[in-house]
All heavy atoms as atom14 arrays in JSON, in Angstrom:
{
  "sequence": "KVIGELKAAILREKPDAALLVDYPGMNLHLAAFLKKQGIPVIY",
  "atom14_mask": [
    [1, 1, 1, 1, 1, 1, 1, 1, 1, 0, 0, 0, 0, 0],
    [1, 1, 1, 1, 1, 1, 1, 0, 0, 0, 0, 0, 0, 0],
    [1, 1, 1, 1, 1, 1, 1, 1, 0, 0, 0, 0, 0, 0],
    [1, 1, 1, 1, 0, 0, 0, 0, 0, 0, 0, 0, 0, 0],
    [1, 1, 1, 1, 1, 1, 1, 1, 1, 0, 0, 0, 0, 0],
    [1, 1, 1, 1, 1, 1, 1, 1, 0, 0, 0, 0, 0, 0],
    [1, 1, 1, 1, 1, 1, 1, 1, 1, 0, 0, 0, 0, 0],
    [1, 1, 1, 1, 1, 0, 0, 0, 0, 0, 0, 0, 0, 0],
    [1, 1, 1, 1, 1, 0, 0, 0, 0, 0, 0, 0, 0, 0],
    [1, 1, 1, 1, 1, 1, 1, 1, 0, 0, 0, 0, 0, 0],
    [1, 1, 1, 1, 1, 1, 1, 1, 0, 0, 0, 0, 0, 0],
    [1, 1, 1, 1, 1, 1, 1, 1, 1, 1, 1, 0, 0, 0],
    [1, 1, 1, 1, 1, 1, 1, 1, 1, 0, 0, 0, 0, 0],
    [1, 1, 1, 1, 1, 1, 1, 1, 1, 0, 0, 0, 0, 0],
    [1, 1, 1, 1, 1, 1, 1, 0, 0, 0, 0, 0, 0, 0],
    [1, 1, 1, 1, 1, 1, 1, 1, 0, 0, 0, 0, 0, 0],
    [1, 1, 1, 1, 1, 0, 0, 0, 0, 0, 0, 0, 0, 0],
    [1, 1, 1, 1, 1, 0, 0, 0, 0, 0, 0, 0, 0, 0],
    [1, 1, 1, 1, 1, 1, 1, 1, 0, 0, 0, 0, 0, 0],
    [1, 1, 1, 1, 1, 1, 1, 1, 0, 0, 0, 0, 0, 0],
    [1, 1, 1, 1, 1, 1, 1, 0, 0, 0, 0, 0, 0, 0],
    [1, 1, 1, 1, 1, 1, 1, 1, 0, 0, 0, 0, 0, 0],
    [1, 1, 1, 1, 1, 1, 1, 1, 1, 1, 1, 1, 0, 0],
    [1, 1, 1, 1, 1, 1, 1, 0, 0, 0, 0, 0, 0, 0],
    [1, 1, 1, 1, 0, 0, 0, 0, 0, 0, 0, 0, 0, 0],
    [1, 1, 1, 1, 1, 1, 1, 1, 0, 0, 0, 0, 0, 0],
    [1, 1, 1, 1, 1, 1, 1, 1, 0, 0, 0, 0, 0, 0],
    [1, 1, 1, 1, 1, 1, 1, 1, 0, 0, 0, 0, 0, 0],
    [1, 1, 1, 1, 1, 1, 1, 1, 1, 1, 0, 0, 0, 0],
    [1, 1, 1, 1, 1, 1, 1, 1, 0, 0, 0, 0, 0, 0],
    [1, 1, 1, 1, 1, 0, 0, 0, 0, 0, 0, 0, 0, 0],
    [1, 1, 1, 1, 1, 0, 0, 0, 0, 0, 0, 0, 0, 0],
    [1, 1, 1, 1, 1, 1, 1, 1, 1, 1, 1, 0, 0, 0],
    [1, 1, 1, 1, 1, 1, 1, 1, 0, 0, 0, 0, 0, 0],
    [1, 1, 1, 1, 1, 1, 1, 1, 1, 0, 0, 0, 0, 0],
    [1, 1, 1, 1, 1, 1, 1, 1, 1, 0, 0, 0, 0, 0],
    [1, 1, 1, 1, 1, 1, 1, 1, 1, 0, 0, 0, 0, 0],
    [1, 1, 1, 1, 0, 0, 0, 0, 0, 0, 0, 0, 0, 0],
    [1, 1, 1, 1, 1, 1, 1, 1, 0, 0, 0, 0, 0, 0],
    [1, 1, 1, 1, 1, 1, 1, 0, 0, 0, 0, 0, 0, 0],
    [1, 1, 1, 1, 1, 1, 1, 0, 0, 0, 0, 0, 0, 0],
    [1, 1, 1, 1, 1, 1, 1, 1, 0, 0, 0, 0, 0, 0],
    [1, 1, 1, 1, 1, 1, 1, 1, 1, 1, 1, 1, 0, 0]
  ],
  "atom14_positions": [
    [[84.25, 105.54, 87.57], [85.66, 105.51, 87.19], [86.54, 105.91, 88.37], [87.56, 105.27, 88.66], [85.9, 106.45, 86.01], [87.36, 106.6, 85.56], [87.44, 107.48, 84.33], [88.88, 107.71, 83.89], [89.57, 108.66, 84.79], [0.0, 0.0, 0.0], [0.0, 0.0, 0.0], [0.0, 0.0, 0.0], [0.0, 0.0, 0.0], [0.0, 0.0, 0.0]],
    [[86.15, 106.98, 89.06], [86.92, 107.45, 90.22], [86.98, 106.36, 91.28], [88.06, 106.04, 91.81], [86.29, 108.73, 90.81], [86.96, 109.09, 92.14], [86.4, 109.87, 89.83], [0.0, 0.0, 0.0], [0.0, 0.0, 0.0], [0.0, 0.0, 0.0], [0.0, 0.0, 0.0], [0.0, 0.0, 0.0], [0.0, 0.0, 0.0], [0.0, 0.0, 0.0]],
    [[85.83, 105.78, 91.59], [85.78, 104.74, 92.63], [86.66, 103.55, 92.24], [87.41, 103.01, 93.07], [84.33, 104.3, 92.88], [83.56, 105.42, 93.59], [84.27, 103.01, 93.71], [82.07, 105.19, 93.69], [0.0, 0.0, 0.0], [0.0, 0.0, 0.0], [0.0, 0.0, 0.0], [0.0, 0.0, 0.0], [0.0, 0.0, 0.0], [0.0, 0.0, 0.0]],
    [[86.6, 103.15, 90.98], [87.42, 102.05, 90.52], [88.91, 102.33, 90.67], [89.68, 101.48, 91.13], [0.0, 0.0, 0.0], [0.0, 0.0, 0.0], [0.0, 0.0, 0.0], [0.0, 0.0, 0.0], [0.0, 0.0, 0.0], [0.0, 0.0, 0.0], [0.0, 0.0, 0.0], [0.0, 0.0, 0.0], [0.0, 0.0, 0.0], [0.0, 0.0, 0.0]],
    [[89.32, 103.54, 90.32], [90.73, 103.91, 90.42], [91.17, 104.04, 91.88], [92.31, 103.68, 92.23], [90.99, 105.2, 89.66], [90.84, 105.03, 88.15], [91.22, 106.29, 87.38], [91.75, 107.23, 88.01], [90.97, 106.32, 86.16], [0.0, 0.0, 0.0], [0.0, 0.0, 0.0], [0.0, 0.0, 0.0], [0.0, 0.0, 0.0], [0.0, 0.0, 0.0]],
    [[90.29, 104.54, 92.74], [90.63, 104.64, 94.15], [90.79, 103.25, 94.77], [91.71, 103.01, 95.57], [89.57, 105.45, 94.9], [89.5, 106.94, 94.57], [88.37, 107.6, 95.35], [90.82, 107.64, 94.87], [0.0, 0.0, 0.0], [0.0, 0.0, 0.0], [0.0, 0.0, 0.0], [0.0, 0.0, 0.0], [0.0, 0.0, 0.0], [0.0, 0.0, 0.0]],
    [[89.9, 102.34, 94.42], [90.02, 100.98, 94.94], [91.32, 100.33, 94.49], [92.01, 99.66, 95.28], [88.82, 100.14, 94.48], [87.52, 100.49, 95.19], [86.37, 99.62, 94.68], [85.08, 99.91, 95.44], [83.94, 99.08, 94.94], [0.0, 0.0, 0.0], [0.0, 0.0, 0.0], [0.0, 0.0, 0.0], [0.0, 0.0, 0.0], [0.0, 0.0, 0.0]],
    [[91.67, 100.55, 93.22], [92.93, 99.98, 92.71], [94.12, 100.58, 93.45], [95.08, 99.86, 93.79], [93.05, 100.26, 91.21], [0.0, 0.0, 0.0], [0.0, 0.0, 0.0], [0.0, 0.0, 0.0], [0.0, 0.0, 0.0], [0.0, 0.0, 0.0], [0.0, 0.0, 0.0], [0.0, 0.0, 0.0], [0.0, 0.0, 0.0], [0.0, 0.0, 0.0]],
    [[94.07, 101.88, 93.74], [95.17, 102.53, 94.46], [95.26, 102.01, 95.89], [96.37, 101.82, 96.43], [94.97, 104.04, 94.46], [0.0, 0.0, 0.0], [0.0, 0.0, 0.0], [0.0, 0.0, 0.0], [0.0, 0.0, 0.0], [0.0, 0.0, 0.0], [0.0, 0.0, 0.0], [0.0, 0.0, 0.0], [0.0, 0.0, 0.0], [0.0, 0.0, 0.0]],
    [[94.12, 101.77, 96.5], [94.11, 101.23, 97.87], [94.72, 99.83, 97.9], [95.54, 99.51, 98.78], [92.67, 101.21, 98.43], [92.2, 102.65, 98.7], [92.58, 100.37, 99.7], [90.71, 102.79, 98.93], [0.0, 0.0, 0.0], [0.0, 0.0, 0.0], [0.0, 0.0, 0.0], [0.0, 0.0, 0.0], [0.0, 0.0, 0.0], [0.0, 0.0, 0.0]],
    [[94.37, 99.0, 96.94], [94.95, 97.66, 96.87], [96.45, 97.71, 96.61], [97.22, 96.9, 97.13], [94.25, 96.85, 95.77], [92.78, 96.48, 96.04], [92.17, 95.82, 94.81], [92.66, 95.6, 97.27], [0.0, 0.0, 0.0], [0.0, 0.0, 0.0], [0.0, 0.0, 0.0], [0.0, 0.0, 0.0], [0.0, 0.0, 0.0], [0.0, 0.0, 0.0]],
    [[96.85, 98.69, 95.82], [98.28, 98.81, 95.48], [99.09, 99.36, 96.65], [100.17, 98.85, 96.97], [98.42, 99.74, 94.27], [99.85, 99.91, 93.78], [99.9, 100.75, 92.52], [99.41, 102.12, 92.71], [98.27, 102.59, 92.23], [97.47, 101.81, 91.51], [97.9, 103.84, 92.46], [0.0, 0.0, 0.0], [0.0, 0.0, 0.0], [0.0, 0.0, 0.0]],
    [[98.56, 100.38, 97.33], [99.32, 101.06, 98.39], [99.17, 100.38, 99.75], [100.01, 100.55, 100.63], [98.87, 102.52, 98.5], [99.11, 103.35, 97.25], [100.59, 103.6, 97.0], [101.39, 103.46, 97.93], [100.93, 103.95, 95.84], [0.0, 0.0, 0.0], [0.0, 0.0, 0.0], [0.0, 0.0, 0.0], [0.0, 0.0, 0.0], [0.0, 0.0, 0.0]],
    [[98.06, 99.65, 99.93], [97.78, 98.98, 101.2], [97.98, 99.94, 102.4], [98.86, 99.74, 103.24], [98.69, 97.75, 101.37], [98.45, 96.67, 100.33], [99.36, 95.47, 100.55], [99.01, 94.32, 99.63], [99.06, 94.66, 98.2], [0.0, 0.0, 0.0], [0.0, 0.0, 0.0], [0.0, 0.0, 0.0], [0.0, 0.0, 0.0], [0.0, 0.0, 0.0]],
    [[97.16, 100.99, 102.47], [97.34, 101.96, 103.56], [97.09, 101.33, 104.93], [96.35, 100.35, 105.07], [96.27, 103.02, 103.25], [95.25, 102.31, 102.43], [96.01, 101.32, 101.61], [0.0, 0.0, 0.0], [0.0, 0.0, 0.0], [0.0, 0.0, 0.0], [0.0, 0.0, 0.0], [0.0, 0.0, 0.0], [0.0, 0.0, 0.0], [0.0, 0.0, 0.0]],
    [[97.74, 101.91, 105.93], [97.58, 101.41, 107.31], [96.27, 101.9, 107.93], [95.78, 101.3, 108.89], [98.76, 101.88, 108.15], [100.07, 101.32, 107.62], [100.35, 100.14, 107.9], [100.8, 102.06, 106.92], [0.0, 0.0, 0.0], [0.0, 0.0, 0.0], [0.0, 0.0, 0.0], [0.0, 0.0, 0.0], [0.0, 0.0, 0.0], [0.0, 0.0, 0.0]],
    [[95.73, 102.99, 107.41], [94.47, 103.53, 107.91], [93.88, 104.45, 106.86], [94.57, 104.87, 105.92], [94.67, 104.28, 109.23], [0.0, 0.0, 0.0], [0.0, 0.0, 0.0], [0.0, 0.0, 0.0], [0.0, 0.0, 0.0], [0.0, 0.0, 0.0], [0.0, 0.0, 0.0], [0.0, 0.0, 0.0], [0.0, 0.0, 0.0], [0.0, 0.0, 0.0]],
    [[92.58, 104.74, 107.01], [91.9, 105.65, 106.08], [91.18, 106.74, 106.87], [90.52, 106.45, 107.87], [90.9, 104.88, 105.23], [0.0, 0.0, 0.0], [0.0, 0.0, 0.0], [0.0, 0.0, 0.0], [0.0, 0.0, 0.0], [0.0, 0.0, 0.0], [0.0, 0.0, 0.0], [0.0, 0.0, 0.0], [0.0, 0.0, 0.0], [0.0, 0.0, 0.0]],
    [[91.35, 107.97, 106.43], [90.63, 109.12, 106.99], [89.62, 109.59, 105.95], [89.99, 110.1, 104.89], [91.61, 110.25, 107.33], [90.97, 111.55, 107.82], [90.25, 111.35, 109.15], [92.01, 112.66, 107.95], [0.0, 0.0, 0.0], [0.0, 0.0, 0.0], [0.0, 0.0, 0.0], [0.0, 0.0, 0.0], [0.0, 0.0, 0.0], [0.0, 0.0, 0.0]],
    [[88.35, 109.39, 106.25], [87.26, 109.81, 105.36], [86.62, 111.06, 105.95], [86.25, 111.07, 107.13], [86.23, 108.7, 105.2], [86.78, 107.32, 104.81], [85.64, 106.32, 104.65], [87.62, 107.4, 103.55], [0.0, 0.0, 0.0], [0.0, 0.0, 0.0], [0.0, 0.0, 0.0], [0.0, 0.0, 0.0], [0.0, 0.0, 0.0], [0.0, 0.0, 0.0]],
    [[86.49, 112.1, 105.14], [86.02, 113.4, 105.63], [84.74, 113.79, 104.91], [84.75, 114.04, 103.7], [87.1, 114.49, 105.44], [86.64, 115.8, 106.08], [88.43, 114.05, 106.04], [0.0, 0.0, 0.0], [0.0, 0.0, 0.0], [0.0, 0.0, 0.0], [0.0, 0.0, 0.0], [0.0, 0.0, 0.0], [0.0, 0.0, 0.0], [0.0, 0.0, 0.0]],
    [[83.62, 113.79, 105.66], [82.34, 114.23, 105.11], [82.03, 113.45, 103.82], [82.19, 112.25, 103.78], [82.36, 115.74, 104.9], [80.98, 116.37, 104.86], [79.98, 115.64, 104.99], [80.89, 117.6, 104.7], [0.0, 0.0, 0.0], [0.0, 0.0, 0.0], [0.0, 0.0, 0.0], [0.0, 0.0, 0.0], [0.0, 0.0, 0.0], [0.0, 0.0, 0.0]],
    [[81.53, 114.1, 102.77], [81.36, 113.54, 101.42], [80.78, 112.12, 101.46], [81.39, 111.17, 100.94], [82.72, 113.56, 100.72], [82.66, 113.67, 99.21], [82.11, 114.79, 98.6], [83.15, 112.66, 98.4], [82.07, 114.91, 97.22], [83.1, 112.75, 97.01], [82.56, 113.88, 96.43], [82.52, 113.98, 95.06], [0.0, 0.0, 0.0], [0.0, 0.0, 0.0]],
    [[79.6, 111.93, 102.05], [79.12, 110.59, 102.39], [78.82, 109.67, 101.21], [79.01, 108.45, 101.33], [77.85, 110.86, 103.2], [77.41, 112.23, 102.78], [78.67, 112.98, 102.5], [0.0, 0.0, 0.0], [0.0, 0.0, 0.0], [0.0, 0.0, 0.0], [0.0, 0.0, 0.0], [0.0, 0.0, 0.0], [0.0, 0.0, 0.0], [0.0, 0.0, 0.0]],
    [[78.34, 110.21, 100.08], [77.97, 109.34, 98.97], [79.11, 108.42, 98.57], [78.94, 107.2, 98.44], [0.0, 0.0, 0.0], [0.0, 0.0, 0.0], [0.0, 0.0, 0.0], [0.0, 0.0, 0.0], [0.0, 0.0, 0.0], [0.0, 0.0, 0.0], [0.0, 0.0, 0.0], [0.0, 0.0, 0.0], [0.0, 0.0, 0.0], [0.0, 0.0, 0.0]],
    [[80.29, 108.99, 98.38], [81.45, 108.19, 97.99], [82.16, 107.59, 99.19], [82.62, 106.44, 99.15], [82.43, 109.03, 97.18], [83.63, 108.24, 96.65], [84.64, 109.18, 95.49], [83.51, 109.31, 94.1], [0.0, 0.0, 0.0], [0.0, 0.0, 0.0], [0.0, 0.0, 0.0], [0.0, 0.0, 0.0], [0.0, 0.0, 0.0], [0.0, 0.0, 0.0]],
    [[82.24, 108.34, 100.29], [83.0, 107.86, 101.43], [82.4, 106.61, 102.06], [83.12, 105.71, 102.47], [83.15, 108.96, 102.48], [84.38, 109.81, 102.24], [85.36, 109.34, 101.65], [84.36, 111.04, 102.69], [0.0, 0.0, 0.0], [0.0, 0.0, 0.0], [0.0, 0.0, 0.0], [0.0, 0.0, 0.0], [0.0, 0.0, 0.0], [0.0, 0.0, 0.0]],
    [[81.08, 106.53, 102.14], [80.49, 105.33, 102.73], [80.66, 104.12, 101.81], [80.8, 102.98, 102.28], [79.01, 105.57, 103.05], [78.76, 106.48, 104.25], [77.28, 106.75, 104.43], [79.35, 105.88, 105.52], [0.0, 0.0, 0.0], [0.0, 0.0, 0.0], [0.0, 0.0, 0.0], [0.0, 0.0, 0.0], [0.0, 0.0, 0.0], [0.0, 0.0, 0.0]],
    [[80.67, 104.35, 100.51], [80.95, 103.26, 99.57], [82.39, 102.76, 99.77], [82.62, 101.55, 99.85], [80.74, 103.73, 98.14], [80.94, 102.65, 97.13], [79.91, 101.86, 96.67], [82.06, 102.21, 96.49], [80.39, 100.99, 95.8], [81.69, 101.18, 95.67], [0.0, 0.0, 0.0], [0.0, 0.0, 0.0], [0.0, 0.0, 0.0], [0.0, 0.0, 0.0]],
    [[83.33, 103.7, 99.85], [84.73, 103.32, 100.05], [84.95, 102.71, 101.43], [85.82, 101.85, 101.6], [85.63, 104.53, 99.86], [86.26, 104.73, 98.47], [87.22, 103.6, 98.13], [85.2, 104.87, 97.39], [0.0, 0.0, 0.0], [0.0, 0.0, 0.0], [0.0, 0.0, 0.0], [0.0, 0.0, 0.0], [0.0, 0.0, 0.0], [0.0, 0.0, 0.0]],
    [[84.17, 103.15, 102.43], [84.32, 102.59, 103.78], [84.08, 101.09, 103.78], [84.81, 100.32, 104.43], [83.37, 103.29, 104.75], [0.0, 0.0, 0.0], [0.0, 0.0, 0.0], [0.0, 0.0, 0.0], [0.0, 0.0, 0.0], [0.0, 0.0, 0.0], [0.0, 0.0, 0.0], [0.0, 0.0, 0.0], [0.0, 0.0, 0.0], [0.0, 0.0, 0.0]],
    [[83.05, 100.65, 103.04], [82.76, 99.22, 102.98], [83.91, 98.46, 102.32], [84.31, 97.37, 102.78], [81.47, 99.0, 102.21], [0.0, 0.0, 0.0], [0.0, 0.0, 0.0], [0.0, 0.0, 0.0], [0.0, 0.0, 0.0], [0.0, 0.0, 0.0], [0.0, 0.0, 0.0], [0.0, 0.0, 0.0], [0.0, 0.0, 0.0], [0.0, 0.0, 0.0]],
    [[84.48, 99.03, 101.27], [85.6, 98.39, 100.59], [86.82, 98.33, 101.49], [87.5, 97.3, 101.59], [85.92, 99.16, 99.3], [87.12, 98.62, 98.56], [87.01, 97.48, 97.78], [88.35, 99.27, 98.64], [88.11, 96.98, 97.1], [89.45, 98.78, 97.96], [89.33, 97.63, 97.19], [0.0, 0.0, 0.0], [0.0, 0.0, 0.0], [0.0, 0.0, 0.0]],
    [[87.11, 99.43, 102.16], [88.26, 99.48, 103.07], [88.11, 98.46, 104.19], [89.08, 97.78, 104.57], [88.41, 100.89, 103.65], [88.89, 101.97, 102.67], [88.49, 103.36, 103.16], [90.39, 101.9, 102.47], [0.0, 0.0, 0.0], [0.0, 0.0, 0.0], [0.0, 0.0, 0.0], [0.0, 0.0, 0.0], [0.0, 0.0, 0.0], [0.0, 0.0, 0.0]],
    [[86.91, 98.36, 104.72], [86.65, 97.41, 105.81], [86.94, 95.98, 105.37], [87.55, 95.19, 106.11], [85.2, 97.55, 106.28], [84.88, 96.76, 107.54], [85.53, 97.39, 108.74], [85.05, 96.74, 110.03], [85.71, 97.33, 111.21], [0.0, 0.0, 0.0], [0.0, 0.0, 0.0], [0.0, 0.0, 0.0], [0.0, 0.0, 0.0], [0.0, 0.0, 0.0]],
    [[86.54, 95.65, 104.14], [86.79, 94.3, 103.61], [88.28, 94.02, 103.47], [88.71, 92.86, 103.56], [86.1, 94.14, 102.26], [84.59, 94.01, 102.34], [83.98, 93.83, 100.96], [82.46, 93.73, 101.06], [81.84, 93.61, 99.69], [0.0, 0.0, 0.0], [0.0, 0.0, 0.0], [0.0, 0.0, 0.0], [0.0, 0.0, 0.0], [0.0, 0.0, 0.0]],
    [[89.06, 95.07, 103.26], [90.51, 94.89, 103.13], [91.21, 94.9, 104.49], [92.44, 94.78, 104.55], [91.1, 96.01, 102.26], [90.41, 96.23, 100.92], [90.25, 94.96, 100.12], [91.19, 94.17, 99.98], [89.05, 94.75, 99.59], [0.0, 0.0, 0.0], [0.0, 0.0, 0.0], [0.0, 0.0, 0.0], [0.0, 0.0, 0.0], [0.0, 0.0, 0.0]],
    [[90.44, 95.02, 105.55], [91.04, 95.04, 106.89], [91.73, 96.35, 107.23], [92.58, 96.39, 108.12], [0.0, 0.0, 0.0], [0.0, 0.0, 0.0], [0.0, 0.0, 0.0], [0.0, 0.0, 0.0], [0.0, 0.0, 0.0], [0.0, 0.0, 0.0], [0.0, 0.0, 0.0], [0.0, 0.0, 0.0], [0.0, 0.0, 0.0], [0.0, 0.0, 0.0]],
    [[91.37, 97.43, 106.55], [91.98, 98.74, 106.78], [91.09, 99.56, 107.74], [89.9, 99.74, 107.46], [92.16, 99.5, 105.45], [93.08, 98.7, 104.51], [92.69, 100.91, 105.69], [93.08, 99.2, 103.09], [0.0, 0.0, 0.0], [0.0, 0.0, 0.0], [0.0, 0.0, 0.0], [0.0, 0.0, 0.0], [0.0, 0.0, 0.0], [0.0, 0.0, 0.0]],
    [[91.62, 100.0, 108.86], [90.82, 100.78, 109.81], [90.26, 102.04, 109.17], [90.98, 102.76, 108.48], [91.81, 101.12, 110.93], [92.9, 100.1, 110.81], [93.0, 99.79, 109.35], [0.0, 0.0, 0.0], [0.0, 0.0, 0.0], [0.0, 0.0, 0.0], [0.0, 0.0, 0.0], [0.0, 0.0, 0.0], [0.0, 0.0, 0.0], [0.0, 0.0, 0.0]],
    [[88.98, 102.3, 109.42], [88.29, 103.46, 108.84], [87.99, 104.47, 109.94], [87.25, 104.17, 110.89], [86.98, 103.03, 108.15], [86.21, 104.25, 107.66], [87.28, 102.08, 107.0], [0.0, 0.0, 0.0], [0.0, 0.0, 0.0], [0.0, 0.0, 0.0], [0.0, 0.0, 0.0], [0.0, 0.0, 0.0], [0.0, 0.0, 0.0], [0.0, 0.0, 0.0]],
    [[88.58, 105.66, 109.82], [88.29, 106.78, 110.72], [87.46, 107.78, 109.93], [87.92, 108.32, 108.92], [89.58, 107.43, 111.25], [90.39, 106.43, 112.08], [89.24, 108.65, 112.11], [91.43, 105.68, 111.31], [0.0, 0.0, 0.0], [0.0, 0.0, 0.0], [0.0, 0.0, 0.0], [0.0, 0.0, 0.0], [0.0, 0.0, 0.0], [0.0, 0.0, 0.0]],
    [[86.23, 107.99, 110.36], [85.33, 108.91, 109.65], [85.23, 110.2, 110.45], [84.76, 110.21, 111.58], [83.94, 108.29, 109.47], [83.2, 108.83, 108.26], [82.69, 107.98, 107.28], [82.97, 110.19, 108.1], [82.02, 108.47, 106.17], [82.3, 110.69, 107.0], [81.83, 109.83, 106.04], [81.17, 110.33, 104.95], [0.0, 0.0, 0.0], [0.0, 0.0, 0.0]]
  ]
}
């Protein structure tokens, strides 16, 4: 549910970049989604 809502928020807000901090289980999943949207991923 969290991942679904975060993806929806990312599509809605269209961020210019993403800062992912530690927390690899969820962050690496979101990194793949962000990459597909063309959003730079800073880990």
